[in-house]
Amino acid sequence: FAGMNPLVAVRGCRRIRQPLRGLFQTADFSAWKAFQYICIGFGLQYATGIGYQGVKLLGQHWGLTFPEVSFNFFQTAQSALFALLYTCILAPITEELLFRGFLMKSLSAVSVRFGIVTSALLFGLMHGNVQQCILGIFMGLFLGKIVARHNSLLPSILVHMAINTGSTLLNLVQVKVPERLRILVMMPFGFVMFALAVMGIAFWFGSERKQPLPCPTQKQAVRNRLFWSSPLLLAAFAGLLGLMGYQMW
């Protein structure tokens, strides 16, 4: 993934004549906005986590089981180091280059809303499991929104890094810290993340929700409906849905 994501992104950007430097020419962005966006990201993570538990209960009622996300790459110091390097640094950069860079930019030729929504759906499905798919779709919508606002991948990369780092460190503590000490480490760490999430929810209701996704024009709305029947786009969704179904089975 660390190699394939940027390879597809770079070749795709060349195909649509999108300079890579242009993906990072940030407009109207500050440290305060970065903090707000990161908090909103943690808030979305908590909210979708609660939503997943509801989906899980419904699935159990209908006789469906969803496999839990595996974090078994902390078995050795070397594998843990590689996991931290990829999950916290490489994945946020390469995935944002692919999904909010090439895919969103190219699909925004239909309309900006179409680009944001479609790239978010593909981003969620790419994770291959229900739990991360739900988070990925909602996070993808938010990341696409702030990329379109600032015309840059920098805000989405920072948020993506923060969310991945928080989750990875939390799982690392659960796996590697002895049980008798785990609660002492988890409590302050969990409290900080929860506090950031609460602030993120406040930021969302205070200002962010007042800035909806860009609305398409009447002509763009017609193109939206037309492109949802694109064989290539449908094949991409079918392939990712098939992969998720296979992993669940």
Protein backbone atom coordinates (compact mmCIF):
# COMPACT_ATOMS: atom_id res chain seq x y z
CA PHE A 1 0.00 0.00 0.00
CA ALA A 2 2.83 2.40 0.81
CA GLY A 3 4.08 1.94 -2.75
CA MET A 4 0.83 1.44 -4.66
CA ASN A 5 -1.09 4.44 -3.28
CA PRO A 6 1.43 7.13 -4.31
CA LEU A 7 2.18 5.33 -7.60
CA VAL A 8 -1.48 5.42 -8.65
CA ALA A 9 -1.86 8.96 -7.30
CA VAL A 10 1.18 10.31 -9.18
CA ARG A 11 0.28 8.61 -12.46
CA GLY A 12 -3.34 9.70 -12.07
CA CYS A 13 -2.42 13.30 -11.38
CA ARG A 14 -0.24 13.31 -14.49
CA ARG A 15 -3.15 11.93 -16.48
CA ILE A 16 -5.49 14.72 -15.36
CA ARG A 17 -2.66 17.30 -15.53
CA GLN A 18 -2.77 18.09 -11.83
CA PRO A 19 0.68 19.24 -10.58
CA LEU A 20 1.59 17.55 -7.30
CA ARG A 21 2.83 20.87 -5.91
CA GLY A 22 -0.65 22.28 -6.46
CA LEU A 23 -2.08 19.75 -4.02
CA PHE A 24 -0.24 21.47 -1.13
CA GLN A 25 -0.71 25.18 -1.93
CA THR A 26 -2.72 25.85 1.20
CA ALA A 27 -5.06 28.85 1.48
CA ASP A 28 -6.43 30.36 4.73
CA PHE A 29 -5.13 27.70 7.12
CA SER A 30 -3.80 28.21 10.64
CA ALA A 31 -2.70 26.23 13.69
CA TRP A 32 -6.02 27.01 15.39
CA LYS A 33 -7.99 25.59 12.46
CA ALA A 34 -5.73 22.53 12.44
CA PHE A 35 -6.51 21.99 16.15
CA GLN A 36 -10.24 22.36 15.50
CA TYR A 37 -10.14 19.90 12.62
CA ILE A 38 -8.18 17.34 14.65
CA CYS A 39 -10.68 17.61 17.51
CA ILE A 40 -13.58 17.17 15.06
CA GLY A 41 -11.79 14.09 13.71
CA PHE A 42 -11.65 12.55 17.20
CA GLY A 43 -15.31 13.48 17.70
CA LEU A 44 -16.25 11.67 14.49
CA GLN A 45 -14.23 8.68 15.61
CA TYR A 46 -16.15 8.43 18.89
CA ALA A 47 -19.52 9.02 17.21
CA THR A 48 -18.94 6.39 14.50
CA GLY A 49 -17.66 3.98 17.16
CA ILE A 50 -20.99 4.26 18.95
CA GLY A 51 -22.78 3.88 15.61
CA TYR A 52 -20.81 0.73 14.86
CA GLN A 53 -21.90 -0.81 18.15
CA GLY A 54 -25.51 -0.20 17.10
CA VAL A 55 -24.89 -1.79 13.70
CA LYS A 56 -23.19 -4.71 15.44
CA LEU A 57 -26.21 -5.28 17.70
CA LEU A 58 -28.56 -5.20 14.71
CA GLY A 59 -26.31 -7.65 12.90
CA GLN A 60 -26.42 -10.04 15.85
CA HIS A 61 -30.23 -9.78 15.86
CA TRP A 62 -30.25 -10.85 12.19
CA GLY A 63 -27.64 -13.57 12.74
CA LEU A 64 -24.72 -11.62 11.25
CA THR A 65 -21.29 -11.34 12.83
CA PHE A 66 -18.67 -8.73 11.95
CA PRO A 67 -15.03 -9.75 12.45
CA GLU A 68 -13.13 -7.42 14.73
CA VAL A 69 -10.21 -5.44 13.37
CA SER A 70 -6.96 -7.29 14.03
CA PHE A 71 -3.99 -5.46 15.53
CA ASN A 72 -1.60 -8.40 15.72
CA PHE A 73 1.35 -6.49 14.25
CA PHE A 74 2.77 -5.60 17.67
CA GLN A 75 4.28 -9.04 18.28
CA THR A 76 7.91 -7.91 17.96
CA ALA A 77 9.69 -4.59 18.40
CA GLN A 78 10.50 -4.53 14.68
CA SER A 79 6.91 -5.17 13.57
CA ALA A 80 5.63 -2.56 16.04
CA LEU A 81 8.11 0.00 14.68
CA PHE A 82 7.06 -0.67 11.10
CA ALA A 83 3.37 -0.53 12.09
CA LEU A 84 3.84 2.85 13.78
CA LEU A 85 5.83 4.19 10.81
CA TYR A 86 3.26 3.08 8.25
CA THR A 87 0.04 3.73 10.17
CA CYS A 88 1.00 7.07 11.70
CA ILE A 89 3.05 8.62 8.88
CA LEU A 90 3.06 6.80 5.55
CA ALA A 91 -0.62 5.77 5.37
CA PRO A 92 -2.02 9.28 6.06
CA ILE A 93 0.24 10.82 3.39
CA THR A 94 -0.16 8.15 0.69
CA GLU A 95 -3.90 7.62 1.24
CA GLU A 96 -4.59 11.34 1.12
CA LEU A 97 -2.56 11.62 -2.09
CA LEU A 98 -4.71 8.89 -3.64
CA PHE A 99 -8.19 9.62 -2.30
CA ARG A 100 -8.29 13.38 -1.66
CA GLY A 101 -5.58 14.09 -4.22
CA PHE A 102 -6.05 12.19 -7.47
CA LEU A 103 -9.52 10.64 -6.97
CA MET A 104 -11.30 13.64 -5.47
CA LYS A 105 -9.66 16.08 -7.88
CA SER A 106 -10.55 14.00 -10.93
CA LEU A 107 -14.10 13.22 -9.78
CA SER A 108 -14.67 16.89 -8.93
CA ALA A 109 -14.79 17.50 -12.68
CA VAL A 110 -18.37 16.27 -12.32
CA SER A 111 -18.95 18.47 -9.27
CA VAL A 112 -17.10 19.15 -6.02
CA ARG A 113 -19.83 17.40 -4.00
CA PHE A 114 -19.61 14.35 -6.27
CA GLY A 115 -15.84 14.23 -5.83
CA ILE A 116 -16.08 14.47 -2.03
CA VAL A 117 -18.87 11.90 -1.63
CA THR A 118 -17.55 9.34 -4.10
CA SER A 119 -13.96 9.45 -2.85
CA ALA A 120 -15.26 9.13 0.75
CA LEU A 121 -17.30 6.02 -0.14
CA LEU A 122 -14.31 4.43 -1.89
CA PHE A 123 -12.07 5.38 1.05
CA GLY A 124 -14.40 3.70 3.53
CA LEU A 125 -14.78 0.52 1.48
CA MET A 126 -11.02 0.30 0.94
CA HIS A 127 -10.53 -0.51 4.64
CA GLY A 128 -12.26 -3.87 4.10
CA ASN A 129 -14.21 -4.17 7.37
CA VAL A 130 -17.47 -2.70 8.66
CA GLN A 131 -16.01 -0.88 11.66
CA GLN A 132 -13.36 1.05 9.73
CA CYS A 133 -15.64 1.43 6.71
CA ILE A 134 -18.17 3.44 8.72
CA LEU A 135 -15.43 5.63 10.17
CA GLY A 136 -13.73 5.94 6.77
CA ILE A 137 -16.86 7.15 4.99
CA PHE A 138 -17.72 9.85 7.52
CA MET A 139 -14.08 10.83 7.99
CA GLY A 140 -13.68 10.91 4.21
CA LEU A 141 -16.59 13.33 3.87
CA PHE A 142 -15.06 15.64 6.47
CA LEU A 143 -11.54 15.40 5.03
CA GLY A 144 -12.82 16.04 1.52
CA LYS A 145 -14.72 19.06 2.77
CA ILE A 146 -11.68 20.70 4.37
CA VAL A 147 -9.48 19.85 1.37
CA ALA A 148 -11.96 21.62 -0.90
CA ARG A 149 -12.13 24.56 1.51
CA HIS A 150 -8.38 25.12 1.72
CA ASN A 151 -7.52 23.71 -1.71
CA SER A 152 -4.79 21.60 -0.08
CA LEU A 153 -4.09 18.12 1.26
CA LEU A 154 -2.20 19.49 4.27
CA PRO A 155 -5.27 19.80 6.58
CA SER A 156 -6.52 16.30 5.76
CA ILE A 157 -3.04 14.75 6.21
CA LEU A 158 -2.69 16.34 9.67
CA VAL A 159 -6.13 15.10 10.78
CA HIS A 160 -5.50 11.66 9.30
CA MET A 161 -2.15 11.44 11.12
CA ALA A 162 -3.71 12.47 14.43
CA ILE A 163 -6.54 9.91 14.23
CA ASN A 164 -4.26 7.05 13.16
CA THR A 165 -1.65 7.90 15.78
CA GLY A 166 -4.20 8.07 18.59
CA SER A 167 -5.76 4.72 17.63
CA THR A 168 -2.42 2.99 17.10
CA LEU A 169 -0.92 4.15 20.40
CA LEU A 170 -4.09 3.12 22.23
CA ASN A 171 -3.89 -0.38 20.75
CA LEU A 172 -0.16 -0.55 21.43
CA VAL A 173 -0.80 0.20 25.11
CA GLN A 174 -3.50 -2.49 25.27
CA VAL A 175 -1.19 -5.09 23.75
CA LYS A 176 2.22 -4.30 25.23
CA VAL A 177 1.64 -2.74 28.67
CA PRO A 178 1.28 -5.31 31.49
CA GLU A 179 -2.30 -5.67 32.71
CA ARG A 180 -1.55 -4.40 36.23
CA LEU A 181 -0.20 -1.11 34.78
CA ARG A 182 -2.56 -0.81 31.84
CA ILE A 183 -5.27 1.12 33.64
CA LEU A 184 -2.74 3.67 34.93
CA VAL A 185 -1.58 4.37 31.38
CA MET A 186 -4.98 4.10 29.69
CA MET A 187 -6.84 6.47 31.99
CA PRO A 188 -4.91 9.71 31.25
CA PHE A 189 -4.48 8.80 27.58
CA GLY A 190 -8.15 7.95 27.16
CA PHE A 191 -9.18 11.09 29.05
CA VAL A 192 -7.16 13.32 26.70
CA MET A 193 -8.65 11.68 23.61
CA PHE A 194 -12.15 11.92 25.05
CA ALA A 195 -11.63 15.60 25.92
CA LEU A 196 -10.46 16.32 22.37
CA ALA A 197 -13.51 14.48 21.02
CA VAL A 198 -15.89 16.53 23.21
CA MET A 199 -14.24 19.74 21.99
CA GLY A 200 -14.53 18.43 18.43
CA ILE A 201 -18.27 17.89 18.83
CA ALA A 202 -18.55 21.43 20.21
CA PHE A 203 -16.57 22.79 17.24
CA TRP A 204 -18.82 20.85 14.87
CA PHE A 205 -22.07 22.19 16.26
CA GLY A 206 -20.57 25.61 16.86
CA SER A 207 -19.31 26.34 13.36
CA GLU A 208 -18.50 23.41 11.11
CA ARG A 209 -22.04 22.18 10.50
CA LYS A 210 -22.98 25.66 9.32
CA GLN A 211 -20.67 25.15 6.34
CA PRO A 212 -22.25 22.31 4.31
CA LEU A 213 -20.76 20.51 1.34
CA PRO A 214 -20.77 22.59 -1.86
CA CYS A 215 -24.11 22.31 -3.66
CA PRO A 216 -23.97 21.29 -7.35
CA THR A 217 -25.55 23.42 -10.03
CA GLN A 218 -28.46 22.00 -12.03
CA LYS A 219 -26.07 21.00 -14.82
CA GLN A 220 -23.70 19.34 -12.35
CA ALA A 221 -26.60 17.47 -10.72
CA VAL A 222 -27.41 15.94 -14.13
CA ARG A 223 -23.76 14.89 -14.51
CA ASN A 224 -23.86 13.41 -10.98
CA ARG A 225 -26.68 11.06 -11.96
CA LEU A 226 -24.97 10.19 -15.23
CA PHE A 227 -21.62 9.33 -13.68
CA TRP A 228 -23.16 7.05 -11.05
CA SER A 229 -23.82 4.67 -13.97
CA SER A 230 -20.16 4.73 -15.10
CA PRO A 231 -19.00 1.11 -15.64
CA LEU A 232 -15.52 1.88 -14.27
CA LEU A 233 -16.91 3.51 -11.13
CA LEU A 234 -19.41 0.69 -10.57
CA ALA A 235 -16.61 -1.87 -11.07
CA ALA A 236 -14.51 -0.12 -8.41
CA PHE A 237 -17.38 -0.22 -5.91
CA ALA A 238 -18.18 -3.85 -6.78
CA GLY A 239 -14.54 -4.88 -6.32
CA LEU A 240 -14.23 -3.19 -2.92
CA LEU A 241 -17.60 -4.56 -1.74
CA GLY A 242 -16.53 -8.03 -2.87
CA LEU A 243 -13.26 -7.70 -0.96
CA MET A 244 -15.09 -6.64 2.20
CA GLY A 245 -17.57 -9.51 1.84
CA TYR A 246 -14.75 -12.00 1.35
CA GLN A 247 -12.92 -10.80 4.45
CA MET A 248 -16.14 -10.93 6.49
CA TRP A 249 -16.88 -14.44 5.23
